[in-house]
Amino acid sequence: MSDPFRKVSSGERMRIPARTYNAFIDAAMDLQQRRMSGKGGLNERNIQPVLVMVQNDSGDDCQEGDVLGIDHA
């Protein structure tokens, strides 16, 4: 049996098997439920928080959340 989740190339004709389509719908519904229930935070995605120290030498005051450029690491 062929892979129901096989990727297709641009311009290739495709037929979506019911099993594949239903998996897409299940994934979309799961995502929607997670977003509405507040689940799916950092721990749900196995992302570990990281503390990054930043020094503002732009000469201007910046507020939390402002976007700063990075000149070098």
PDB file of N, CA and C in Angstrom:
ATOM      1  N   MET A   1       0.845  -1.188   0.000  1.00  0.00           N
ATOM      2  CA  MET A   1       0.000   0.000   0.000  1.00  0.00           C
ATOM      3  C   MET A   1       0.882   1.240   0.000  1.00  0.00           C
ATOM      4  N   SER A   2       0.527   2.235  -0.770  1.00  0.00           N
ATOM      5  CA  SER A   2       1.339   3.446  -0.850  1.00  0.00           C
ATOM      6  C   SER A   2       1.171   4.302   0.412  1.00  0.00           C
ATOM      7  N   ASP A   3       2.110   5.199   0.603  1.00  0.00           N
ATOM      8  CA  ASP A   3       2.116   6.084   1.764  1.00  0.00           C
ATOM      9  C   ASP A   3       0.989   7.109   1.632  1.00  0.00           C
ATOM     10  N   PRO A   4       0.019   7.136   2.558  1.00  0.00           N
ATOM     11  CA  PRO A   4      -1.092   8.085   2.449  1.00  0.00           C
ATOM     12  C   PRO A   4      -0.665   9.534   2.696  1.00  0.00           C
ATOM     13  N   PHE A   5       0.553   9.733   3.237  1.00  0.00           N
ATOM     14  CA  PHE A   5       1.037  11.085   3.526  1.00  0.00           C
ATOM     15  C   PHE A   5       2.214  11.471   2.632  1.00  0.00           C
ATOM     16  N   ARG A   6       2.313  10.827   1.481  1.00  0.00           N
ATOM     17  CA  ARG A   6       3.383  11.120   0.531  1.00  0.00           C
ATOM     18  C   ARG A   6       3.212  12.532  -0.012  1.00  0.00           C
ATOM     19  N   LYS A   7       4.319  13.287  -0.063  1.00  0.00           N
ATOM     20  CA  LYS A   7       4.267  14.635  -0.626  1.00  0.00           C
ATOM     21  C   LYS A   7       4.193  14.550  -2.146  1.00  0.00           C
ATOM     22  N   VAL A   8       3.586  15.560  -2.749  1.00  0.00           N
ATOM     23  CA  VAL A   8       3.471  15.607  -4.207  1.00  0.00           C
ATOM     24  C   VAL A   8       4.321  16.743  -4.740  1.00  0.00           C
ATOM     25  N   SER A   9       4.693  16.640  -5.992  1.00  0.00           N
ATOM     26  CA  SER A   9       5.481  17.677  -6.653  1.00  0.00           C
ATOM     27  C   SER A   9       4.547  18.674  -7.317  1.00  0.00           C
ATOM     28  N   SER A  10       5.053  19.874  -7.532  1.00  0.00           N
ATOM     29  CA  SER A  10       4.281  20.912  -8.196  1.00  0.00           C
ATOM     30  C   SER A  10       3.849  20.435  -9.572  1.00  0.00           C
ATOM     31  N   GLY A  11       2.592  20.587  -9.892  1.00  0.00           N
ATOM     32  CA  GLY A  11       2.048  20.196 -11.182  1.00  0.00           C
ATOM     33  C   GLY A  11       1.626  18.737 -11.268  1.00  0.00           C
ATOM     34  N   GLU A  12       1.985  17.945 -10.267  1.00  0.00           N
ATOM     35  CA  GLU A  12       1.608  16.522 -10.272  1.00  0.00           C
ATOM     36  C   GLU A  12       0.124  16.387  -9.947  1.00  0.00           C
ATOM     37  N   ARG A  13      -0.555  15.536 -10.704  1.00  0.00           N
ATOM     38  CA  ARG A  13      -1.963  15.262 -10.407  1.00  0.00           C
ATOM     39  C   ARG A  13      -2.020  14.477  -9.122  1.00  0.00           C
ATOM     40  N   MET A  14      -3.031  14.743  -8.322  1.00  0.00           N
ATOM     41  CA  MET A  14      -3.120  14.036  -7.055  1.00  0.00           C
ATOM     42  C   MET A  14      -4.542  13.630  -6.729  1.00  0.00           C
ATOM     43  N   ARG A  15      -4.638  12.531  -6.044  1.00  0.00           N
ATOM     44  CA  ARG A  15      -5.912  12.058  -5.525  1.00  0.00           C
ATOM     45  C   ARG A  15      -5.705  11.882  -4.028  1.00  0.00           C
ATOM     46  N   ILE A  16      -6.554  12.495  -3.245  1.00  0.00           N
ATOM     47  CA  ILE A  16      -6.418  12.409  -1.794  1.00  0.00           C
ATOM     48  C   ILE A  16      -7.298  11.275  -1.291  1.00  0.00           C
ATOM     49  N   PRO A  17      -6.678  10.210  -0.745  1.00  0.00           N
ATOM     50  CA  PRO A  17      -7.472   9.117  -0.189  1.00  0.00           C
ATOM     51  C   PRO A  17      -8.276   9.600   1.020  1.00  0.00           C
ATOM     52  N   ALA A  18      -9.400   8.961   1.256  1.00  0.00           N
ATOM     53  CA  ALA A  18     -10.253   9.338   2.387  1.00  0.00           C
ATOM     54  C   ALA A  18      -9.477   9.295   3.696  1.00  0.00           C
ATOM     55  N   ARG A  19      -8.613   8.288   3.867  1.00  0.00           N
ATOM     56  CA  ARG A  19      -7.824   8.157   5.097  1.00  0.00           C
ATOM     57  C   ARG A  19      -6.947   9.397   5.316  1.00  0.00           C
ATOM     58  N   THR A  20      -6.331   9.877   4.252  1.00  0.00           N
ATOM     59  CA  THR A  20      -5.465  11.056   4.344  1.00  0.00           C
ATOM     60  C   THR A  20      -6.281  12.301   4.641  1.00  0.00           C
ATOM     61  N   TYR A  21      -7.357  12.507   3.914  1.00  0.00           N
ATOM     62  CA  TYR A  21      -8.221  13.668   4.123  1.00  0.00           C
ATOM     63  C   TYR A  21      -8.749  13.688   5.554  1.00  0.00           C
ATOM     64  N   ASN A  22      -9.203  12.532   6.040  1.00  0.00           N
ATOM     65  CA  ASN A  22      -9.729  12.466   7.404  1.00  0.00           C
ATOM     66  C   ASN A  22      -8.651  12.772   8.435  1.00  0.00           C
ATOM     67  N   ALA A  23      -7.412  12.360   8.169  1.00  0.00           N
ATOM     68  CA  ALA A  23      -6.309  12.682   9.082  1.00  0.00           C
ATOM     69  C   ALA A  23      -6.072  14.189   9.119  1.00  0.00           C
ATOM     70  N   PHE A  24      -6.166  14.862   7.966  1.00  0.00           N
ATOM     71  CA  PHE A  24      -6.031  16.316   7.917  1.00  0.00           C
ATOM     72  C   PHE A  24      -7.119  16.983   8.759  1.00  0.00           C
ATOM     73  N   ILE A  25      -8.344  16.521   8.603  1.00  0.00           N
ATOM     74  CA  ILE A  25      -9.465  17.091   9.351  1.00  0.00           C
ATOM     75  C   ILE A  25      -9.269  16.860  10.846  1.00  0.00           C
ATOM     76  N   ASP A  26      -8.863  15.644  11.240  1.00  0.00           N
ATOM     77  CA  ASP A  26      -8.615  15.355  12.651  1.00  0.00           C
ATOM     78  C   ASP A  26      -7.534  16.276  13.222  1.00  0.00           C
ATOM     79  N   ALA A  27      -6.459  16.495  12.456  1.00  0.00           N
ATOM     80  CA  ALA A  27      -5.370  17.361  12.914  1.00  0.00           C
ATOM     81  C   ALA A  27      -5.850  18.807  13.058  1.00  0.00           C
ATOM     82  N   ALA A  28      -6.628  19.282  12.101  1.00  0.00           N
ATOM     83  CA  ALA A  28      -7.151  20.648  12.168  1.00  0.00           C
ATOM     84  C   ALA A  28      -8.090  20.824  13.350  1.00  0.00           C
ATOM     85  N   MET A  29      -8.941  19.837  13.592  1.00  0.00           N
ATOM     86  CA  MET A  29      -9.864  19.912  14.726  1.00  0.00           C
ATOM     87  C   MET A  29      -9.103  19.878  16.048  1.00  0.00           C
ATOM     88  N   ASP A  30      -8.065  19.045  16.140  1.00  0.00           N
ATOM     89  CA  ASP A  30      -7.255  18.973  17.347  1.00  0.00           C
ATOM     90  C   ASP A  30      -6.575  20.315  17.619  1.00  0.00           C
ATOM     91  N   LEU A  31      -6.008  20.921  16.578  1.00  0.00           N
ATOM     92  CA  LEU A  31      -5.361  22.218  16.726  1.00  0.00           C
ATOM     93  C   LEU A  31      -6.353  23.271  17.198  1.00  0.00           C
ATOM     94  N   GLN A  32      -7.530  23.291  16.597  1.00  0.00           N
ATOM     95  CA  GLN A  32      -8.552  24.263  16.972  1.00  0.00           C
ATOM     96  C   GLN A  32      -8.969  24.073  18.436  1.00  0.00           C
ATOM     97  N   GLN A  33      -9.156  22.827  18.860  1.00  0.00           N
ATOM     98  CA  GLN A  33      -9.529  22.560  20.244  1.00  0.00           C
ATOM     99  C   GLN A  33      -8.422  22.981  21.208  1.00  0.00           C
ATOM    100  N   ARG A  34      -7.164  22.745  20.855  1.00  0.00           N
ATOM    101  CA  ARG A  34      -6.049  23.145  21.708  1.00  0.00           C
ATOM    102  C   ARG A  34      -5.989  24.661  21.846  1.00  0.00           C
ATOM    103  N   ARG A  35      -6.194  25.359  20.750  1.00  0.00           N
ATOM    104  CA  ARG A  35      -6.154  26.822  20.802  1.00  0.00           C
ATOM    105  C   ARG A  35      -7.286  27.373  21.657  1.00  0.00           C
ATOM    106  N   MET A  36      -8.483  26.790  21.542  1.00  0.00           N
ATOM    107  CA  MET A  36      -9.634  27.285  22.283  1.00  0.00           C
ATOM    108  C   MET A  36      -9.563  26.924  23.761  1.00  0.00           C
ATOM    109  N   SER A  37      -8.907  25.809  24.099  1.00  0.00           N
ATOM    110  CA  SER A  37      -8.850  25.375  25.491  1.00  0.00           C
ATOM    111  C   SER A  37      -7.644  25.954  26.219  1.00  0.00           C
ATOM    112  N   GLY A  38      -6.775  26.644  25.489  1.00  0.00           N
ATOM    113  CA  GLY A  38      -5.581  27.195  26.114  1.00  0.00           C
ATOM    114  C   GLY A  38      -4.455  26.189  26.221  1.00  0.00           C
ATOM    115  N   LYS A  39      -4.675  24.961  25.741  1.00  0.00           N
ATOM    116  CA  LYS A  39      -3.613  23.961  25.759  1.00  0.00           C
ATOM    117  C   LYS A  39      -2.682  24.228  24.584  1.00  0.00           C
ATOM    118  N   GLY A  40      -1.599  23.498  24.554  1.00  0.00           N
ATOM    119  CA  GLY A  40      -0.657  23.662  23.450  1.00  0.00           C
ATOM    120  C   GLY A  40       0.386  24.706  23.749  1.00  0.00           C
ATOM    121  N   GLY A  41       0.608  24.984  25.048  1.00  0.00           N
ATOM    122  CA  GLY A  41       1.630  25.939  25.449  1.00  0.00           C
ATOM    123  C   GLY A  41       3.018  25.368  25.283  1.00  0.00           C
ATOM    124  N   LEU A  42       3.992  26.001  25.910  1.00  0.00           N
ATOM    125  CA  LEU A  42       5.382  25.599  25.755  1.00  0.00           C
ATOM    126  C   LEU A  42       5.613  24.148  26.117  1.00  0.00           C
ATOM    127  N   ASN A  43       5.050  23.688  27.230  1.00  0.00           N
ATOM    128  CA  ASN A  43       5.284  22.314  27.653  1.00  0.00           C
ATOM    129  C   ASN A  43       4.643  21.310  26.714  1.00  0.00           C
ATOM    130  N   GLU A  44       3.533  21.660  26.099  1.00  0.00           N
ATOM    131  CA  GLU A  44       2.851  20.755  25.183  1.00  0.00           C
ATOM    132  C   GLU A  44       3.689  20.492  23.929  1.00  0.00           C
ATOM    133  N   ARG A  45       4.509  21.466  23.554  1.00  0.00           N
ATOM    134  CA  ARG A  45       5.303  21.344  22.334  1.00  0.00           C
ATOM    135  C   ARG A  45       6.751  20.964  22.621  1.00  0.00           C
ATOM    136  N   ASN A  46       7.070  20.624  23.876  1.00  0.00           N
ATOM    137  CA  ASN A  46       8.425  20.259  24.276  1.00  0.00           C
ATOM    138  C   ASN A  46       9.445  21.345  23.944  1.00  0.00           C
ATOM    139  N   ILE A  47       9.056  22.589  24.088  1.00  0.00           N
ATOM    140  CA  ILE A  47       9.978  23.693  23.882  1.00  0.00           C
ATOM    141  C   ILE A  47      10.414  24.179  25.252  1.00  0.00           C
ATOM    142  N   GLN A  48      11.713  24.222  25.456  1.00  0.00           N
ATOM    143  CA  GLN A  48      12.249  24.670  26.724  1.00  0.00           C
ATOM    144  C   GLN A  48      12.534  26.168  26.646  1.00  0.00           C
ATOM    145  N   PRO A  49      12.096  26.940  27.655  1.00  0.00           N
ATOM    146  CA  PRO A  49      12.387  28.379  27.643  1.00  0.00           C
ATOM    147  C   PRO A  49      13.884  28.628  27.789  1.00  0.00           C
ATOM    148  N   VAL A  50      14.355  29.700  27.169  1.00  0.00           N
ATOM    149  CA  VAL A  50      15.762  30.068  27.209  1.00  0.00           C
ATOM    150  C   VAL A  50      15.854  31.537  27.579  1.00  0.00           C
ATOM    151  N   LEU A  51      16.755  31.866  28.500  1.00  0.00           N
ATOM    152  CA  LEU A  51      16.989  33.250  28.895  1.00  0.00           C
ATOM    153  C   LEU A  51      18.098  33.816  28.023  1.00  0.00           C
ATOM    154  N   VAL A  52      17.840  34.943  27.373  1.00  0.00           N
ATOM    155  CA  VAL A  52      18.830  35.589  26.515  1.00  0.00           C
ATOM    156  C   VAL A  52      19.061  36.989  27.052  1.00  0.00           C
ATOM    157  N   MET A  53      20.297  37.277  27.376  1.00  0.00           N
ATOM    158  CA  MET A  53      20.653  38.611  27.871  1.00  0.00           C
ATOM    159  C   MET A  53      20.928  39.519  26.676  1.00  0.00           C
ATOM    160  N   VAL A  54      20.321  40.713  26.677  1.00  0.00           N
ATOM    161  CA  VAL A  54      20.466  41.654  25.571  1.00  0.00           C
ATOM    162  C   VAL A  54      20.872  43.006  26.142  1.00  0.00           C
ATOM    163  N   GLN A  55      21.841  43.628  25.523  1.00  0.00           N
ATOM    164  CA  GLN A  55      22.257  44.964  25.936  1.00  0.00           C
ATOM    165  C   GLN A  55      21.843  45.950  24.853  1.00  0.00           C
ATOM    166  N   ASN A  56      21.104  46.970  25.257  1.00  0.00           N
ATOM    167  CA  ASN A  56      20.654  47.999  24.322  1.00  0.00           C
ATOM    168  C   ASN A  56      21.725  49.081  24.249  1.00  0.00           C
ATOM    169  N   ASP A  57      22.439  49.152  23.140  1.00  0.00           N
ATOM    170  CA  ASP A  57      23.410  50.229  22.952  1.00  0.00           C
ATOM    171  C   ASP A  57      22.997  51.122  21.778  1.00  0.00           C
ATOM    172  N   SER A  58      21.679  51.193  21.553  1.00  0.00           N
ATOM    173  CA  SER A  58      21.155  51.988  20.435  1.00  0.00           C
ATOM    174  C   SER A  58      21.153  53.478  20.744  1.00  0.00           C
ATOM    175  N   GLY A  59      21.253  53.824  22.025  1.00  0.00           N
ATOM    176  CA  GLY A  59      21.189  55.232  22.396  1.00  0.00           C
ATOM    177  C   GLY A  59      19.779  55.694  22.698  1.00  0.00           C
ATOM    178  N   ASP A  60      18.783  54.859  22.451  1.00  0.00           N
ATOM    179  CA  ASP A  60      17.390  55.193  22.742  1.00  0.00           C
ATOM    180  C   ASP A  60      16.843  54.219  23.778  1.00  0.00           C
ATOM    181  N   ASP A  61      15.849  54.693  24.550  1.00  0.00           N
ATOM    182  CA  ASP A  61      15.169  53.795  25.477  1.00  0.00           C
ATOM    183  C   ASP A  61      14.257  52.865  24.683  1.00  0.00           C
ATOM    184  N   CYS A  62      14.182  51.625  25.121  1.00  0.00           N
ATOM    185  CA  CYS A  62      13.316  50.652  24.472  1.00  0.00           C
ATOM    186  C   CYS A  62      12.347  50.077  25.492  1.00  0.00           C
ATOM    187  N   GLN A  63      11.162  49.785  25.043  1.00  0.00           N
ATOM    188  CA  GLN A  63      10.161  49.157  25.892  1.00  0.00           C
ATOM    189  C   GLN A  63      10.250  47.648  25.724  1.00  0.00           C
ATOM    190  N   GLU A  64       9.766  46.913  26.710  1.00  0.00           N
ATOM    191  CA  GLU A  64       9.732  45.463  26.615  1.00  0.00           C
ATOM    192  C   GLU A  64       8.930  45.061  25.382  1.00  0.00           C
ATOM    193  N   GLY A  65       9.477  44.162  24.591  1.00  0.00           N
ATOM    194  CA  GLY A  65       8.811  43.700  23.376  1.00  0.00           C
ATOM    195  C   GLY A  65       9.215  44.458  22.128  1.00  0.00           C
ATOM    196  N   ASP A  66       9.967  45.568  22.291  1.00  0.00           N
ATOM    197  CA  ASP A  66      10.440  46.297  21.113  1.00  0.00           C
ATOM    198  C   ASP A  66      11.379  45.412  20.299  1.00  0.00           C
ATOM    199  N   VAL A  67      11.449  45.653  19.016  1.00  0.00           N
ATOM    200  CA  VAL A  67      12.311  44.876  18.119  1.00  0.00           C
ATOM    201  C   VAL A  67      13.648  45.597  18.006  1.00  0.00           C
ATOM    202  N   LEU A  68      14.729  44.849  18.222  1.00  0.00           N
ATOM    203  CA  LEU A  68      16.071  45.395  18.101  1.00  0.00           C
ATOM    204  C   LEU A  68      16.828  44.609  17.038  1.00  0.00           C
ATOM    205  N   GLY A  69      17.776  45.241  16.380  1.00  0.00           N
ATOM    206  CA  GLY A  69      18.606  44.532  15.420  1.00  0.00           C
ATOM    207  C   GLY A  69      19.775  43.861  16.109  1.00  0.00           C
ATOM    208  N   ILE A  70      20.352  42.882  15.456  1.00  0.00           N
ATOM    209  CA  ILE A  70      21.523  42.170  15.972  1.00  0.00           C
ATOM    210  C   ILE A  70      22.674  42.452  15.026  1.00  0.00           C
ATOM    211  N   ASP A  71      23.740  43.082  15.546  1.00  0.00           N
ATOM    212  CA  ASP A  71      24.903  43.400  14.726  1.00  0.00           C
ATOM    213  C   ASP A  71      25.873  42.230  14.650  1.00  0.00           C
ATOM    214  N   HIS A  72      26.087  41.550  15.769  1.00  0.00           N
ATOM    215  CA  HIS A  72      26.981  40.402  15.807  1.00  0.00           C
ATOM    216  C   HIS A  72      26.664  39.564  17.035  1.00  0.00           C
ATOM    217  N   ALA A  73      27.088  38.320  16.982  1.00  0.00           N
ATOM    218  CA  ALA A  73      26.817  37.415  18.109  1.00  0.00           C
ATOM    219  C   ALA A  73      27.981  37.381  19.052  1.00  0.00           C
TER     220      ALA A  73
END
